[in-house]
């Protein structure tokens, strides 16, 4: 399961090879999840890298990434499987045209045909239970907090035994359990029973040095001066009274926007032109118009010390 990952340092090195800068606390819990075969529950603000670690881990291990994007109203059938009703209706009409009598052996044969793998649409949870080329996949259950308690209860059972049941076909059990990563932005509390099945880690905003490392890995074209100014400004911005604080994803996006505009260093005018890359609510953008952006920039530069 661990594919040559023997130490915590191996986790950091393999993830770094995929452009994911991983601190030791997170590397420890990832290592333990791989070693013990336990699901990993990552909680934290949006944009701090919870989803990205699943992508980086799948790439580092050479495994398939299967993503279940959660949303309000998601139910077990949508997450596990559906029947292709359109194709089933075509099969029924074809059988009728060929003289299907609708009784006895013909009816049983048609039923077996209609509810076979041929007409089964596999959704992420069922896909994750199937054998995969290269080994068990990485199953990302993203933004679990968007779903409701009934789906949590179903998921608890599915992750306990790593199996799902299809009434018409029976139970499908994973021969080798997938590597499971669940994420939550904590818009609501996830039930303790589900958390107890998992190893838990809170993914926080990185400190200045770590965010510089991340930015250099994801936007290496940015100069050291620009990178330091960008990170210092964003970190100051997170201390403001905003509706939505920018995450690391916004730091990277903003730096790439600045590079596309051939910006060498920040100015209030450049910040005003590109605020939509780091702030996603109009009230927050309006708050930084005029002198506010200059004040935060001056504070950020003062914190950096002499150039």
Protein backbone atom coordinates (compact mmCIF):
# COMPACT_ATOMS: atom_id res chain seq x y z
CA UNK A 1 0.00 0.00 0.00
CA UNK A 2 2.79 2.44 0.88
CA UNK A 3 4.72 1.93 -2.39
CA UNK A 4 8.20 2.45 -0.98
CA UNK A 5 7.18 5.14 1.53
CA UNK A 6 9.04 3.97 4.63
CA UNK A 7 9.40 7.21 6.58
CA UNK A 8 7.69 10.54 7.19
CA UNK A 9 10.49 12.18 5.22
CA UNK A 10 9.57 9.95 2.26
CA UNK A 11 6.04 11.39 2.37
CA UNK A 12 7.38 14.94 2.30
CA UNK A 13 9.79 14.16 -0.52
CA UNK A 14 7.21 12.36 -2.69
CA UNK A 15 4.63 15.13 -2.22
CA UNK A 16 7.27 17.80 -2.89
CA UNK A 17 7.98 16.03 -6.16
CA UNK A 18 4.37 16.78 -7.13
CA UNK A 19 4.64 20.43 -6.10
CA UNK A 20 2.96 20.01 -2.71
CA UNK A 21 4.95 21.50 0.18
CA UNK A 22 3.99 19.48 3.24
CA UNK A 23 4.85 20.36 6.85
CA UNK A 24 5.84 17.60 9.24
CA UNK A 25 2.54 17.42 11.21
CA UNK A 26 0.57 16.80 8.02
CA UNK A 27 3.23 14.41 6.69
CA UNK A 28 2.97 12.37 9.92
CA UNK A 29 -0.78 11.89 9.64
CA UNK A 30 -0.55 11.04 5.92
CA UNK A 31 2.15 8.47 6.70
CA UNK A 32 0.01 6.91 9.42
CA UNK A 33 -3.05 6.81 7.18
CA UNK A 34 -1.04 4.91 4.56
CA UNK A 35 0.64 2.63 7.07
CA UNK A 36 -2.50 1.74 9.02
CA UNK A 37 -4.97 1.78 6.13
CA UNK A 38 -7.15 4.35 7.89
CA UNK A 39 -9.23 7.08 6.21
CA UNK A 40 -7.79 10.58 6.64
CA UNK A 41 -10.14 13.41 7.61
CA UNK A 42 -8.82 16.87 6.73
CA UNK A 43 -10.61 19.93 8.05
CA UNK A 44 -9.80 23.61 7.54
CA UNK A 45 -10.69 26.82 5.76
CA UNK A 46 -11.33 26.75 2.02
CA UNK A 47 -8.23 27.10 -0.13
CA UNK A 48 -5.61 25.78 2.32
CA UNK A 49 -4.71 22.69 0.24
CA UNK A 50 -6.96 19.89 1.52
CA UNK A 51 -8.10 18.78 -1.93
CA UNK A 52 -4.66 19.28 -3.43
CA UNK A 53 -3.03 16.80 -1.08
CA UNK A 54 -5.28 14.03 -2.40
CA UNK A 55 -4.32 14.93 -5.97
CA UNK A 56 -0.62 15.09 -5.09
CA UNK A 57 -0.73 11.80 -3.17
CA UNK A 58 -2.44 9.99 -6.04
CA UNK A 59 0.18 11.31 -8.48
CA UNK A 60 3.05 10.48 -6.11
CA UNK A 61 1.84 6.88 -5.67
CA UNK A 62 0.88 6.42 -9.32
CA UNK A 63 -2.70 5.66 -8.33
CA UNK A 64 -6.00 6.65 -9.88
CA UNK A 65 -7.75 9.56 -8.15
CA UNK A 66 -11.51 9.05 -7.75
CA UNK A 67 -13.32 12.16 -6.53
CA UNK A 68 -16.75 12.31 -4.95
CA UNK A 69 -17.74 15.98 -4.86
CA UNK A 70 -20.31 16.37 -2.11
CA UNK A 71 -23.31 18.67 -2.31
CA UNK A 72 -26.59 19.26 -0.52
CA UNK A 73 -29.02 16.45 -1.31
CA UNK A 74 -26.37 13.91 -2.29
CA UNK A 75 -27.72 10.43 -1.60
CA UNK A 76 -26.31 6.94 -1.56
CA UNK A 77 -27.53 5.98 -5.03
CA UNK A 78 -25.90 9.03 -6.64
CA UNK A 79 -22.64 8.28 -4.85
CA UNK A 80 -22.61 4.52 -5.54
CA UNK A 81 -24.44 3.60 -8.76
CA UNK A 82 -27.34 4.25 -11.10
CA UNK A 83 -29.04 2.15 -13.73
CA UNK A 84 -28.95 3.35 -17.32
CA UNK A 85 -32.73 3.58 -17.72
CA UNK A 86 -32.56 4.89 -21.29
CA UNK A 87 -30.52 1.88 -22.43
CA UNK A 88 -32.76 -0.48 -20.45
CA UNK A 89 -35.86 0.88 -22.22
CA UNK A 90 -34.20 0.41 -25.59
CA UNK A 91 -33.40 -3.19 -24.64
CA UNK A 92 -37.02 -3.82 -23.60
CA UNK A 93 -38.38 -2.41 -26.86
CA UNK A 94 -35.87 -4.40 -28.86
CA UNK A 95 -36.93 -7.58 -27.06
CA UNK A 96 -40.60 -6.82 -27.75
CA UNK A 97 -39.86 -6.25 -31.42
CA UNK A 98 -38.13 -9.63 -31.56
CA UNK A 99 -41.16 -11.43 -30.19
CA UNK A 100 -40.62 -11.26 -26.43
CA UNK A 101 -43.56 -12.99 -24.71
CA UNK A 102 -43.18 -11.43 -21.27
CA UNK A 103 -43.52 -14.69 -19.36
CA UNK A 104 -41.51 -17.58 -17.98
CA UNK A 105 -37.93 -18.07 -19.00
CA UNK A 106 -37.98 -15.12 -21.43
CA UNK A 107 -38.97 -12.71 -18.65
CA UNK A 108 -36.30 -14.02 -16.26
CA UNK A 109 -33.63 -13.85 -18.93
CA UNK A 110 -34.58 -10.28 -19.83
CA UNK A 111 -34.55 -9.25 -16.17
CA UNK A 112 -31.10 -10.75 -15.69
CA UNK A 113 -29.91 -8.93 -18.78
CA UNK A 114 -31.38 -5.56 -17.75
CA UNK A 115 -29.85 -5.67 -14.28
CA UNK A 116 -26.36 -6.68 -15.28
CA UNK A 117 -23.06 -4.79 -15.36
CA UNK A 118 -23.83 -3.83 -18.95
CA UNK A 119 -26.44 -1.29 -17.80
CA UNK A 120 -24.77 -0.29 -14.54
CA UNK A 121 -23.39 3.24 -14.24
CA UNK A 122 -20.71 3.18 -11.58
CA UNK A 123 -20.40 6.27 -9.38
CA UNK A 124 -17.30 7.13 -7.29
CA UNK A 125 -17.86 4.89 -4.25
CA UNK A 126 -18.47 1.80 -6.37
CA UNK A 127 -15.55 2.63 -8.66
CA UNK A 128 -13.29 2.85 -5.60
CA UNK A 129 -14.26 -0.69 -4.57
CA UNK A 130 -13.27 -2.15 -7.93
CA UNK A 131 -9.73 -3.40 -8.66
CA UNK A 132 -7.62 -0.73 -10.36
CA UNK A 133 -4.52 -0.87 -12.51
CA UNK A 134 -1.55 0.15 -10.36
CA UNK A 135 -3.20 -0.63 -7.04
CA UNK A 136 -6.05 0.69 -4.89
CA UNK A 137 -7.11 4.20 -5.87
CA UNK A 138 -7.13 7.38 -3.82
CA UNK A 139 -10.76 8.11 -3.01
CA UNK A 140 -11.33 11.81 -2.33
CA UNK A 141 -14.64 12.60 -0.60
CA UNK A 142 -14.55 16.36 -0.98
CA UNK A 143 -16.44 18.91 1.13
CA UNK A 144 -18.32 16.37 3.21
CA UNK A 145 -19.83 19.18 5.29
CA UNK A 146 -22.08 20.06 2.33
CA UNK A 147 -24.06 16.82 2.70
CA UNK A 148 -26.57 15.87 5.39
CA UNK A 149 -26.62 13.35 8.26
CA UNK A 150 -28.31 10.45 6.39
CA UNK A 151 -25.49 10.41 3.86
CA UNK A 152 -22.94 10.55 6.67
CA UNK A 153 -24.58 7.49 8.24
CA UNK A 154 -24.39 5.60 4.94
CA UNK A 155 -20.77 6.64 4.48
CA UNK A 156 -19.92 5.43 7.98
CA UNK A 157 -21.07 1.93 7.05
CA UNK A 158 -19.38 1.97 3.65
CA UNK A 159 -16.02 3.04 5.10
CA UNK A 160 -16.22 0.60 8.02
CA UNK A 161 -16.39 -2.48 5.79
CA UNK A 162 -15.26 -0.99 2.47
CA UNK A 163 -18.23 -2.49 0.72
CA UNK A 164 -21.45 -1.35 -0.93
CA UNK A 165 -24.63 -3.25 -1.74
CA UNK A 166 -26.51 -3.18 -5.03
CA UNK A 167 -29.88 -4.87 -4.41
CA UNK A 168 -30.12 -6.32 -7.91
CA UNK A 169 -26.52 -7.62 -7.97
CA UNK A 170 -25.47 -8.14 -4.35
CA UNK A 171 -22.58 -6.82 -2.27
CA UNK A 172 -19.37 -5.47 -3.79
CA UNK A 173 -16.45 -5.58 -1.35
CA UNK A 174 -13.07 -4.03 -2.03
CA UNK A 175 -10.38 -6.68 -2.29
CA UNK A 176 -7.88 -4.00 -1.31
CA UNK A 177 -9.41 -0.91 0.39
CA UNK A 178 -8.85 2.44 -1.31
CA UNK A 179 -6.81 5.22 0.26
CA UNK A 180 -9.57 7.50 1.56
CA UNK A 181 -9.25 11.24 2.14
CA UNK A 182 -12.25 13.21 3.36
CA UNK A 183 -12.28 17.01 3.48
CA UNK A 184 -14.48 19.54 5.22
CA UNK A 185 -14.55 23.35 5.21
CA UNK A 186 -16.41 23.16 8.55
CA UNK A 187 -19.55 24.93 7.39
CA UNK A 188 -21.18 22.48 9.81
CA UNK A 189 -19.93 19.88 12.26
CA UNK A 190 -19.42 16.35 10.91
CA UNK A 191 -20.68 13.63 13.26
CA UNK A 192 -18.18 12.26 15.78
CA UNK A 193 -18.93 8.65 14.77
CA UNK A 194 -17.51 9.28 11.31
CA UNK A 195 -14.51 11.18 12.63
CA UNK A 196 -13.69 8.27 14.96
CA UNK A 197 -13.21 6.03 11.92
CA UNK A 198 -10.56 8.40 10.60
CA UNK A 199 -7.25 9.96 11.45
CA UNK A 200 -7.84 13.69 11.85
CA UNK A 201 -5.81 16.77 10.94
CA UNK A 202 -6.66 20.47 10.90
CA UNK A 203 -5.05 22.11 7.87
CA UNK A 204 -4.29 25.70 8.88
CA UNK A 205 -3.02 28.68 6.93
CA UNK A 206 0.77 28.33 6.55
CA UNK A 207 3.22 30.68 8.20
CA UNK A 208 5.22 33.13 6.08
CA UNK A 209 8.17 30.82 5.38
CA UNK A 210 5.95 27.86 4.45
CA UNK A 211 3.78 29.96 2.15
CA UNK A 212 6.87 31.28 0.40
CA UNK A 213 7.96 27.66 -0.17
CA UNK A 214 4.53 26.81 -1.57
CA UNK A 215 4.52 29.80 -3.89
CA UNK A 216 8.01 29.06 -5.15
CA UNK A 217 6.94 25.47 -5.89
CA UNK A 218 3.73 26.45 -7.70
CA UNK A 219 4.83 29.71 -9.37
CA UNK A 220 8.62 29.40 -9.71
CA UNK A 221 8.72 32.20 -12.32
CA UNK A 222 7.96 34.80 -9.64
CA UNK A 223 10.99 36.70 -8.36
CA UNK A 224 11.94 36.45 -4.70
CA UNK A 225 10.97 40.09 -4.17
CA UNK A 226 7.54 39.71 -5.72
CA UNK A 227 6.92 36.42 -3.90
CA UNK A 228 7.75 37.97 -0.54
CA UNK A 229 5.54 41.00 -1.19
CA UNK A 230 2.62 38.84 -2.35
CA UNK A 231 2.80 36.50 0.64
CA UNK A 232 3.30 39.33 3.13
CA UNK A 233 0.30 41.23 1.70
CA UNK A 234 -1.98 38.17 1.71
CA UNK A 235 -0.98 37.26 5.25
CA UNK A 236 -1.77 40.82 6.40
CA UNK A 237 -5.03 40.62 4.51
CA UNK A 238 -6.08 37.53 6.46
CA UNK A 239 -5.96 39.62 9.61
CA UNK A 240 -8.55 42.07 8.27
CA UNK A 241 -12.27 41.88 8.94
CA UNK A 242 -13.26 40.11 5.73
CA UNK A 243 -16.24 37.95 4.83
CA UNK A 244 -13.90 35.38 3.23
CA UNK A 245 -10.18 35.36 3.91
CA UNK A 246 -7.97 34.38 0.96
CA UNK A 247 -6.47 30.91 1.07
CA UNK A 248 -3.20 29.60 -0.31
CA UNK A 249 -4.98 28.85 -3.59
CA UNK A 250 -5.71 32.57 -3.94
CA UNK A 251 -2.08 33.44 -3.17
CA UNK A 252 -0.95 31.23 -6.04
CA UNK A 253 -3.65 32.52 -8.41
CA UNK A 254 -2.78 36.13 -7.63
CA UNK A 255 0.94 35.59 -8.19
CA UNK A 256 0.21 33.98 -11.57
CA UNK A 257 -2.05 36.91 -12.52
CA UNK A 258 0.69 39.38 -11.58
CA UNK A 259 3.22 37.43 -13.66
CA UNK A 260 0.83 37.50 -16.63
CA UNK A 261 0.72 41.28 -16.29
CA UNK A 262 4.55 41.49 -16.05
CA UNK A 263 4.34 43.04 -12.59
CA UNK A 264 7.71 43.40 -10.88
CA UNK A 265 6.52 44.66 -7.51
CA UNK A 266 3.22 45.55 -5.88
CA UNK A 267 1.61 48.97 -5.92
CA UNK A 268 -1.83 50.18 -4.76
CA UNK A 269 -2.86 50.53 -8.42
CA UNK A 270 -1.83 46.97 -9.31
CA UNK A 271 -3.59 45.65 -6.22
CA UNK A 272 -6.80 47.50 -7.13
CA UNK A 273 -6.68 46.05 -10.67
CA UNK A 274 -6.24 42.45 -9.50
CA UNK A 275 -8.26 42.18 -6.28
CA UNK A 276 -10.66 39.76 -7.97
CA UNK A 277 -7.89 37.12 -7.90
CA UNK A 278 -7.68 37.10 -4.10
CA UNK A 279 -11.09 38.32 -2.88
CA UNK A 280 -14.33 36.71 -4.03
CA UNK A 281 -16.96 38.96 -2.43
CA UNK A 282 -17.79 42.48 -3.58
CA UNK A 283 -18.05 43.81 -0.02
CA UNK A 284 -14.49 42.66 0.66
CA UNK A 285 -13.24 44.19 -2.59
CA UNK A 286 -14.91 47.52 -1.83
CA UNK A 287 -13.35 47.54 1.62
CA UNK A 288 -9.87 47.51 0.09
CA UNK A 289 -10.46 50.32 -2.39
CA UNK A 290 -8.50 53.54 -2.02
CA UNK A 291 -6.20 54.02 0.95
CA UNK A 292 -6.91 50.64 2.59
CA UNK A 293 -4.85 48.70 0.05
CA UNK A 294 -1.95 51.15 0.46
CA UNK A 295 -2.11 50.84 4.26
CA UNK A 296 -1.96 47.05 4.17
CA UNK A 297 0.83 47.11 1.58
CA UNK A 298 2.87 49.54 3.69
CA UNK A 299 2.38 47.32 6.76
CA UNK A 300 3.36 44.23 4.78
CA UNK A 301 6.55 45.87 3.49
CA UNK A 302 7.42 47.15 6.96
CA UNK A 303 7.18 43.58 8.22
CA UNK A 304 9.60 42.40 5.55
CA UNK A 305 12.31 44.79 6.69
CA UNK A 306 14.89 46.43 4.37
CA UNK A 307 14.85 45.21 0.77
